[in-house]
């Protein structure tokens, strides 16, 4: 059986008004980009669904595997093209249902006539095709309200198109339709999940990681590259900015009272992320913070940390339980990488009793004795930027440049 087309249903995009076409065009471009290494195909976009006409039907399985990861797609169906001859349509219908049905499957036929000149009306098509399929595929049961297999038959002027399977998509909005943000990507569980949640809302991401050698190892850097690569599976590629942070972190450890070092460290990270946001043209900063999970994630801590920027700081996991975050990490494929035992800079120089209710004016006072401006500028200027794609491994050669 040859899959000639794939029918894509938009989902949430369909609720948009006058700007719907902007979202549809973005989704179309994202699909094209995700399949760039495969044979080209023709895309026909409508108001609430899209048709992919394949030039090489043998690539249908590969295309569908990629469609599952593309945000903006609610569901899709593989489609078989048939000649308009009724006997030919019946043959394809039985073959298609046989491929997805099992003993006792609840089944129905739903015919549509885009071409009203076709000799049989909708009711006759349903009867002719349905009765033939029931004779050819043993064990089927007719169920009109809640079928397990709904055979859709669409009659057009050039051919008849049949589908009998609905595959769930990723939902959400097309990446890029919600502008761009900078993701503060550590090596833990939370930040990759936060990045995934923002991508699902159509936000394009560039990731920022703070690297403090020799206190953090090359393996910790590779771990973060792997996480960025795993997120790239949903967008095609992710730029990762690796910020040298040792000098700033050591200075904080030496000059700021111990119970305020964590707060000051987060403030410096946010200031650097803010500078990188300006360079990348992003509109917001994304973090993996969850309220009350650690000392730096109390409301008082967030207030003190946020005081260094006017940029929107988005926290998609703010009300999430750790168990929920772990489940999502497993679903999206970042869990196994996140639990690798390589420390990032957030876990070094951790004070024994960090302030859970820091005062903004106090941490600002402690920092006022240090010239952080120059160190921040130096870190930004020496940031390494690499582009990660799905399937990254340490042997890959990756595009590298400096700001």
Protein backbone atom coordinates (compact mmCIF):
# COMPACT_ATOMS: atom_id res chain seq x y z
CA UNK A 1 0.00 0.00 0.00
CA UNK A 2 1.45 3.34 -1.09
CA UNK A 3 1.02 6.51 0.98
CA UNK A 4 0.71 9.37 -1.50
CA UNK A 5 -0.28 12.23 0.79
CA UNK A 6 -0.39 13.24 4.43
CA UNK A 7 -3.34 15.22 5.75
CA UNK A 8 -2.37 17.62 8.58
CA UNK A 9 -4.89 19.18 11.00
CA UNK A 10 -3.89 22.44 12.68
CA UNK A 11 -5.66 22.40 16.02
CA UNK A 12 -5.13 25.67 17.89
CA UNK A 13 -4.09 27.59 14.77
CA UNK A 14 -7.68 27.18 13.54
CA UNK A 15 -8.89 29.46 16.36
CA UNK A 16 -6.84 32.39 15.07
CA UNK A 17 -8.56 35.25 13.26
CA UNK A 18 -7.15 37.56 10.63
CA UNK A 19 -3.55 36.54 11.37
CA UNK A 20 -4.20 32.82 10.82
CA UNK A 21 -2.24 32.83 7.57
CA UNK A 22 0.89 33.99 9.39
CA UNK A 23 0.75 30.92 11.64
CA UNK A 24 0.00 28.60 8.72
CA UNK A 25 2.96 29.93 6.72
CA UNK A 26 5.23 29.48 9.73
CA UNK A 27 4.06 25.89 10.20
CA UNK A 28 4.59 25.20 6.50
CA UNK A 29 8.16 26.54 6.73
CA UNK A 30 8.88 24.49 9.88
CA UNK A 31 7.69 21.31 8.15
CA UNK A 32 9.86 22.08 5.12
CA UNK A 33 12.90 22.74 7.35
CA UNK A 34 12.37 19.55 9.38
CA UNK A 35 12.37 17.47 6.18
CA UNK A 36 15.08 19.41 4.35
CA UNK A 37 17.29 16.34 3.93
CA UNK A 38 14.45 14.32 2.33
CA UNK A 39 12.95 14.64 -1.12
CA UNK A 40 10.92 17.78 -1.73
CA UNK A 41 7.14 17.63 -1.51
CA UNK A 42 4.29 19.93 -2.45
CA UNK A 43 2.29 21.57 0.36
CA UNK A 44 -1.29 22.69 -0.16
CA UNK A 45 -2.53 24.81 2.75
CA UNK A 46 -6.18 25.44 3.57
CA UNK A 47 -8.10 27.20 6.32
CA UNK A 48 -7.99 24.39 8.88
CA UNK A 49 -5.82 21.68 7.35
CA UNK A 50 -2.86 21.09 5.09
CA UNK A 51 -2.00 18.42 2.50
CA UNK A 52 1.54 17.17 1.89
CA UNK A 53 1.82 15.62 -1.57
CA UNK A 54 4.83 13.28 -1.52
CA UNK A 55 7.12 12.95 -4.52
CA UNK A 56 8.62 9.78 -3.03
CA UNK A 57 5.95 7.74 -1.21
CA UNK A 58 8.66 5.43 0.17
CA UNK A 59 9.71 8.30 2.46
CA UNK A 60 6.26 8.57 4.05
CA UNK A 61 7.30 6.88 7.31
CA UNK A 62 10.28 9.22 7.74
CA UNK A 63 8.15 12.28 7.08
CA UNK A 64 5.51 11.16 9.59
CA UNK A 65 8.13 10.50 12.28
CA UNK A 66 9.24 14.12 11.95
CA UNK A 67 5.72 15.51 11.87
CA UNK A 68 5.11 14.04 15.34
CA UNK A 69 7.63 16.51 16.81
CA UNK A 70 6.50 19.67 15.02
CA UNK A 71 4.52 22.08 17.18
CA UNK A 72 1.34 23.45 15.61
CA UNK A 73 0.12 20.06 14.35
CA UNK A 74 -2.84 18.64 16.26
CA UNK A 75 -3.00 15.38 14.28
CA UNK A 76 -2.29 13.95 10.86
CA UNK A 77 -3.33 11.04 8.68
CA UNK A 78 -1.56 9.05 5.95
CA UNK A 79 -3.58 9.22 2.74
CA UNK A 80 -3.86 6.80 -0.18
CA UNK A 81 -4.69 8.14 -3.64
CA UNK A 82 -7.08 6.12 -5.79
CA UNK A 83 -8.46 6.37 -9.31
CA UNK A 84 -12.09 7.56 -9.36
CA UNK A 85 -13.36 4.18 -10.55
CA UNK A 86 -15.57 2.74 -7.79
CA UNK A 87 -14.05 -0.75 -7.92
CA UNK A 88 -10.60 0.78 -7.55
CA UNK A 89 -11.79 2.87 -4.59
CA UNK A 90 -13.26 -0.25 -2.93
CA UNK A 91 -10.02 -2.15 -3.39
CA UNK A 92 -7.93 0.58 -1.76
CA UNK A 93 -10.48 1.02 1.03
CA UNK A 94 -10.38 -2.65 2.04
CA UNK A 95 -6.59 -2.74 1.85
CA UNK A 96 -6.28 0.40 4.00
CA UNK A 97 -8.70 -0.77 6.69
CA UNK A 98 -7.04 -4.21 6.78
CA UNK A 99 -3.71 -2.52 7.61
CA UNK A 100 -5.05 -0.84 10.79
CA UNK A 101 -7.93 -3.06 12.00
CA UNK A 102 -7.96 -6.09 14.28
CA UNK A 103 -10.64 -8.62 15.26
CA UNK A 104 -13.67 -6.76 16.67
CA UNK A 105 -12.59 -3.28 15.52
CA UNK A 106 -15.44 -0.73 15.51
CA UNK A 107 -15.63 0.80 12.05
CA UNK A 108 -17.46 3.39 9.94
CA UNK A 109 -17.14 5.10 6.54
CA UNK A 110 -17.34 8.85 6.14
CA UNK A 111 -17.47 10.03 2.52
CA UNK A 112 -17.14 13.60 1.28
CA UNK A 113 -17.74 14.82 -2.26
CA UNK A 114 -15.69 17.89 -3.15
CA UNK A 115 -16.69 17.04 -6.75
CA UNK A 116 -20.51 17.10 -6.79
CA UNK A 117 -20.51 15.66 -10.32
CA UNK A 118 -19.39 12.23 -9.09
CA UNK A 119 -22.17 9.75 -10.03
CA UNK A 120 -22.75 8.44 -6.48
CA UNK A 121 -23.92 10.72 -3.67
CA UNK A 122 -22.48 10.56 -0.14
CA UNK A 123 -24.97 8.01 1.23
CA UNK A 124 -24.46 5.64 -1.68
CA UNK A 125 -20.68 5.97 -1.38
CA UNK A 126 -20.86 5.13 2.31
CA UNK A 127 -22.98 2.05 1.60
CA UNK A 128 -21.00 0.74 -1.39
CA UNK A 129 -17.60 1.16 0.21
CA UNK A 130 -18.67 0.14 3.72
CA UNK A 131 -20.36 -3.08 2.63
CA UNK A 132 -17.37 -4.04 0.50
CA UNK A 133 -14.92 -3.46 3.36
CA UNK A 134 -17.10 -5.53 5.75
CA UNK A 135 -17.05 -8.42 3.29
CA UNK A 136 -13.30 -8.22 2.70
CA UNK A 137 -12.08 -7.59 6.27
CA UNK A 138 -13.45 -10.20 8.70
CA UNK A 139 -14.31 -9.31 12.29
CA UNK A 140 -15.24 -5.65 11.78
CA UNK A 141 -18.23 -4.19 13.61
CA UNK A 142 -20.12 -1.11 12.46
CA UNK A 143 -20.20 1.77 14.97
CA UNK A 144 -21.45 5.15 13.78
CA UNK A 145 -20.87 7.26 16.91
CA UNK A 146 -17.51 6.21 18.36
CA UNK A 147 -15.64 4.11 15.80
CA UNK A 148 -12.08 2.96 16.42
CA UNK A 149 -11.38 3.19 12.69
CA UNK A 150 -13.04 5.87 10.60
CA UNK A 151 -12.40 5.44 6.90
CA UNK A 152 -12.52 8.88 5.30
CA UNK A 153 -13.18 8.98 1.56
CA UNK A 154 -12.76 12.34 -0.16
CA UNK A 155 -13.83 12.57 -3.79
CA UNK A 156 -12.11 15.25 -5.83
CA UNK A 157 -12.15 16.02 -9.53
CA UNK A 158 -8.72 14.46 -10.15
CA UNK A 159 -8.83 11.45 -7.77
CA UNK A 160 -10.27 9.92 -4.61
CA UNK A 161 -8.28 10.16 -1.37
CA UNK A 162 -8.68 7.66 1.48
CA UNK A 163 -7.41 7.66 5.07
CA UNK A 164 -8.14 5.40 8.03
CA UNK A 165 -5.62 6.40 10.71
CA UNK A 166 -5.26 9.50 12.91
CA UNK A 167 -1.85 10.09 14.51
CA UNK A 168 -1.55 12.62 17.33
CA UNK A 169 0.79 15.55 16.78
CA UNK A 170 2.67 17.68 19.31
CA UNK A 171 -0.04 20.37 19.49
CA UNK A 172 0.84 23.91 20.51
CA UNK A 173 1.91 26.69 18.15
CA UNK A 174 4.53 26.71 15.37
CA UNK A 175 8.01 27.58 16.63
CA UNK A 176 8.89 31.14 15.62
CA UNK A 177 5.31 32.39 15.69
CA UNK A 178 5.86 33.58 19.28
CA UNK A 179 9.13 35.44 18.62
CA UNK A 180 12.41 34.50 20.35
CA UNK A 181 13.65 34.06 23.93
CA UNK A 182 16.91 33.16 25.67
CA UNK A 183 16.81 29.95 27.74
CA UNK A 184 19.13 29.69 30.76
CA UNK A 185 20.12 26.04 30.26
CA UNK A 186 21.81 24.25 33.15
CA UNK A 187 22.62 20.55 33.18
CA UNK A 188 19.62 19.67 35.33
CA UNK A 189 16.12 18.36 34.77
CA UNK A 190 14.15 21.59 34.90
CA UNK A 191 15.55 23.99 32.30
CA UNK A 192 15.26 21.62 29.29
CA UNK A 193 11.61 21.00 30.21
CA UNK A 194 11.04 24.76 30.54
CA UNK A 195 12.57 25.21 27.09
CA UNK A 196 10.29 22.53 25.66
CA UNK A 197 7.22 24.20 27.17
CA UNK A 198 8.15 27.55 25.61
CA UNK A 199 8.83 25.96 22.22
CA UNK A 200 5.37 24.44 22.39
CA UNK A 201 3.96 27.96 22.64
CA UNK A 202 5.74 28.95 19.44
CA UNK A 203 8.85 30.56 20.96
CA UNK A 204 12.18 30.15 19.20
CA UNK A 205 14.99 29.57 21.71
CA UNK A 206 18.68 30.31 22.00
CA UNK A 207 20.25 28.68 25.05
CA UNK A 208 22.78 30.17 27.49
CA UNK A 209 24.99 27.99 29.68
CA UNK A 210 27.41 29.22 32.36
CA UNK A 211 30.67 27.29 32.43
CA UNK A 212 33.19 27.55 35.29
CA UNK A 213 36.37 25.57 34.57
CA UNK A 214 38.25 24.02 36.30
CA UNK A 215 35.41 23.65 38.84
CA UNK A 216 33.13 22.27 36.14
CA UNK A 217 34.47 19.67 33.74
CA UNK A 218 34.41 19.29 29.97
CA UNK A 219 31.98 16.42 30.52
CA UNK A 220 29.50 18.87 32.07
CA UNK A 221 29.79 21.05 28.96
CA UNK A 222 29.22 18.03 26.69
CA UNK A 223 26.18 17.14 28.76
CA UNK A 224 24.64 20.55 28.08
CA UNK A 225 25.45 20.28 24.38
CA UNK A 226 23.59 16.97 24.36
CA UNK A 227 20.58 18.56 26.08
CA UNK A 228 20.56 21.38 23.52
CA UNK A 229 20.72 18.78 20.76
CA UNK A 230 17.74 16.95 22.26
CA UNK A 231 15.74 20.19 22.33
CA UNK A 232 16.79 20.77 18.71
CA UNK A 233 14.74 17.70 17.82
CA UNK A 234 11.67 19.94 18.15
CA UNK A 235 13.01 22.93 16.21
CA UNK A 236 15.68 21.64 13.82
CA UNK A 237 18.56 23.43 15.57
CA UNK A 238 19.37 25.34 18.77
CA UNK A 239 22.12 27.91 19.24
CA UNK A 240 23.99 27.41 22.51
CA UNK A 241 25.98 30.27 24.06
CA UNK A 242 28.61 28.99 26.53
CA UNK A 243 29.59 31.78 28.93
CA UNK A 244 32.95 31.68 30.80
CA UNK A 245 31.84 32.31 34.39
CA UNK A 246 34.78 31.28 36.60
CA UNK A 247 36.12 34.78 37.32
CA UNK A 248 32.73 36.19 38.31
CA UNK A 249 31.86 33.18 40.43
CA UNK A 250 35.17 33.23 42.29
CA UNK A 251 34.84 36.97 42.93
CA UNK A 252 31.37 36.52 44.40
CA UNK A 253 32.61 33.68 46.59
CA UNK A 254 35.48 35.83 47.91
CA UNK A 255 33.72 39.19 48.33
CA UNK A 256 30.02 38.59 49.08
CA UNK A 257 28.85 37.21 52.47
CA UNK A 258 28.40 33.46 52.17
CA UNK A 259 24.65 33.35 52.71
CA UNK A 260 24.16 35.85 49.87
CA UNK A 261 26.50 34.27 47.31
CA UNK A 262 23.75 32.21 45.68
CA UNK A 263 21.54 35.26 45.22
CA UNK A 264 24.41 37.33 43.80
CA UNK A 265 25.44 34.50 41.46
CA UNK A 266 21.93 34.28 40.01
CA UNK A 267 21.84 38.05 39.59
CA UNK A 268 25.07 38.04 37.59
CA UNK A 269 23.77 35.19 35.43
CA UNK A 270 20.63 37.15 34.71
CA UNK A 271 22.62 40.28 33.82
CA UNK A 272 24.72 38.30 31.33
CA UNK A 273 21.64 36.58 29.89
CA UNK A 274 20.13 40.04 29.47
CA UNK A 275 23.14 41.21 27.44
CA UNK A 276 22.99 38.11 25.25
CA UNK A 277 19.27 38.65 24.81
CA UNK A 278 20.02 42.06 23.28
CA UNK A 279 22.64 40.58 20.93
CA UNK A 280 20.32 37.81 19.71
CA UNK A 281 17.23 39.99 19.26
CA UNK A 282 15.27 37.94 21.80
CA UNK A 283 12.35 39.42 23.74
CA UNK A 284 12.49 37.49 27.03
CA UNK A 285 14.57 35.24 29.28
CA UNK A 286 13.33 31.74 30.19
CA UNK A 287 14.35 29.83 33.33
CA UNK A 288 13.48 26.42 34.77
CA UNK A 289 12.59 27.75 38.21
CA UNK A 290 9.82 26.10 40.20
CA UNK A 291 8.49 27.95 43.24
CA UNK A 292 10.04 26.77 46.50
CA UNK A 293 12.08 23.96 44.96
CA UNK A 294 15.42 25.34 46.21
CA UNK A 295 16.58 28.34 48.26
CA UNK A 296 17.00 30.59 45.21
CA UNK A 297 13.45 29.89 44.05
CA UNK A 298 11.42 31.52 46.82
CA UNK A 299 9.39 34.59 45.93
CA UNK A 300 11.80 36.76 47.93
CA UNK A 301 14.79 35.32 46.06
CA UNK A 302 13.11 35.83 42.71
CA UNK A 303 12.35 39.42 43.61
CA UNK A 304 15.98 40.11 44.53
CA UNK A 305 17.31 38.35 41.42
CA UNK A 306 14.82 39.97 39.02
CA UNK A 307 15.77 43.44 40.25
CA UNK A 308 18.78 43.54 37.88
CA UNK A 309 16.70 43.55 34.69
CA UNK A 310 13.55 44.97 33.13
CA UNK A 311 13.41 42.10 30.63
CA UNK A 312 10.45 39.71 31.08
CA UNK A 313 11.66 36.56 32.88
CA UNK A 314 9.40 33.64 31.96
CA UNK A 315 9.10 30.66 34.30
CA UNK A 316 6.85 28.07 32.65
CA UNK A 317 7.46 25.53 35.46
CA UNK A 318 6.74 27.92 38.33
CA UNK A 319 3.78 25.88 39.69
CA UNK A 320 4.98 22.42 38.61
CA UNK A 321 5.74 19.54 40.98
CA UNK A 322 9.12 17.86 40.57
CA UNK A 323 7.41 14.59 39.72
CA UNK A 324 5.52 16.29 36.88
CA UNK A 325 8.76 17.79 35.55
CA UNK A 326 10.45 14.38 35.63
CA UNK A 327 7.58 12.82 33.68
CA UNK A 328 7.80 15.46 30.96
CA UNK A 329 11.60 15.06 30.82
CA UNK A 330 11.12 11.35 30.19
CA UNK A 331 8.51 12.00 27.50
CA UNK A 332 10.67 14.46 25.56
CA UNK A 333 13.89 12.44 25.90
CA UNK A 334 16.01 14.72 28.12
CA UNK A 335 15.74 12.77 31.38
CA UNK A 336 18.61 10.32 30.89
CA UNK A 337 21.00 13.10 29.91
CA UNK A 338 19.90 15.40 32.74
CA UNK A 339 20.65 12.82 35.45
CA UNK A 340 24.24 12.23 34.30
CA UNK A 341 26.48 12.98 37.32
CA UNK A 342 28.42 15.97 35.94
CA UNK A 343 28.16 19.15 38.02
CA UNK A 344 27.32 22.53 36.54
CA UNK A 345 28.29 25.90 38.03
CA UNK A 346 25.04 26.11 40.02
CA UNK A 347 26.19 23.25 42.25
CA UNK A 348 29.67 24.56 43.11
CA UNK A 349 30.42 27.05 45.91
CA UNK A 350 26.99 26.26 47.35
CA UNK A 351 26.70 27.91 50.80
CA UNK A 352 25.78 25.77 53.80
CA UNK A 353 22.87 28.06 54.69
CA UNK A 354 21.79 30.20 51.74
CA UNK A 355 19.37 33.06 52.31
CA UNK A 356 15.84 32.01 51.42
CA UNK A 357 14.49 35.53 52.00
CA UNK A 358 17.26 37.80 50.72
CA UNK A 359 16.83 41.59 50.76
CA UNK A 360 17.35 43.29 47.41
CA UNK A 361 18.99 46.33 48.99
CA UNK A 362 21.43 44.15 50.95
CA UNK A 363 22.68 42.12 47.99
CA UNK A 364 22.96 45.32 45.93
CA UNK A 365 25.04 46.87 48.73
CA UNK A 366 27.41 43.88 48.87
CA UNK A 367 27.85 43.98 45.08
CA UNK A 368 28.52 47.72 45.05
CA UNK A 369 32.11 47.17 46.26
CA UNK A 370 32.95 45.12 43.14
CA UNK A 371 33.26 46.28 39.53
CA UNK A 372 31.10 43.61 37.93
CA UNK A 373 30.46 45.65 34.77
CA UNK A 374 33.88 44.93 33.31
CA UNK A 375 33.74 41.24 34.16
CA UNK A 376 30.25 40.91 32.63
CA UNK A 377 31.42 42.61 29.43
CA UNK A 378 34.44 40.30 29.27
CA UNK A 379 32.26 37.20 29.73
CA UNK A 380 29.84 38.32 27.00
CA UNK A 381 32.65 39.13 24.55
CA UNK A 382 34.35 35.76 25.07
CA UNK A 383 31.16 33.70 24.92
CA UNK A 384 31.43 30.68 22.63
CA UNK A 385 28.44 30.11 20.34
CA UNK A 386 27.72 26.77 18.72
CA UNK A 387 24.76 25.47 16.72
CA UNK A 388 23.41 22.11 17.83
CA UNK A 389 21.26 19.86 15.69
CA UNK A 390 19.45 16.62 16.55
CA UNK A 391 21.71 13.61 17.01
CA UNK A 392 24.75 15.50 18.32
CA UNK A 393 27.72 13.47 19.48
CA UNK A 394 31.15 14.59 20.67
CA UNK A 395 32.70 13.45 17.38
CA UNK A 396 30.53 15.84 15.36
CA UNK A 397 32.00 18.98 13.83
CA UNK A 398 29.77 21.87 14.80
CA UNK A 399 29.61 25.44 13.57
CA UNK A 400 31.57 27.58 16.07
CA UNK A 401 32.00 31.32 16.33
CA UNK A 402 32.51 34.12 18.85
CA UNK A 403 30.43 37.22 19.49
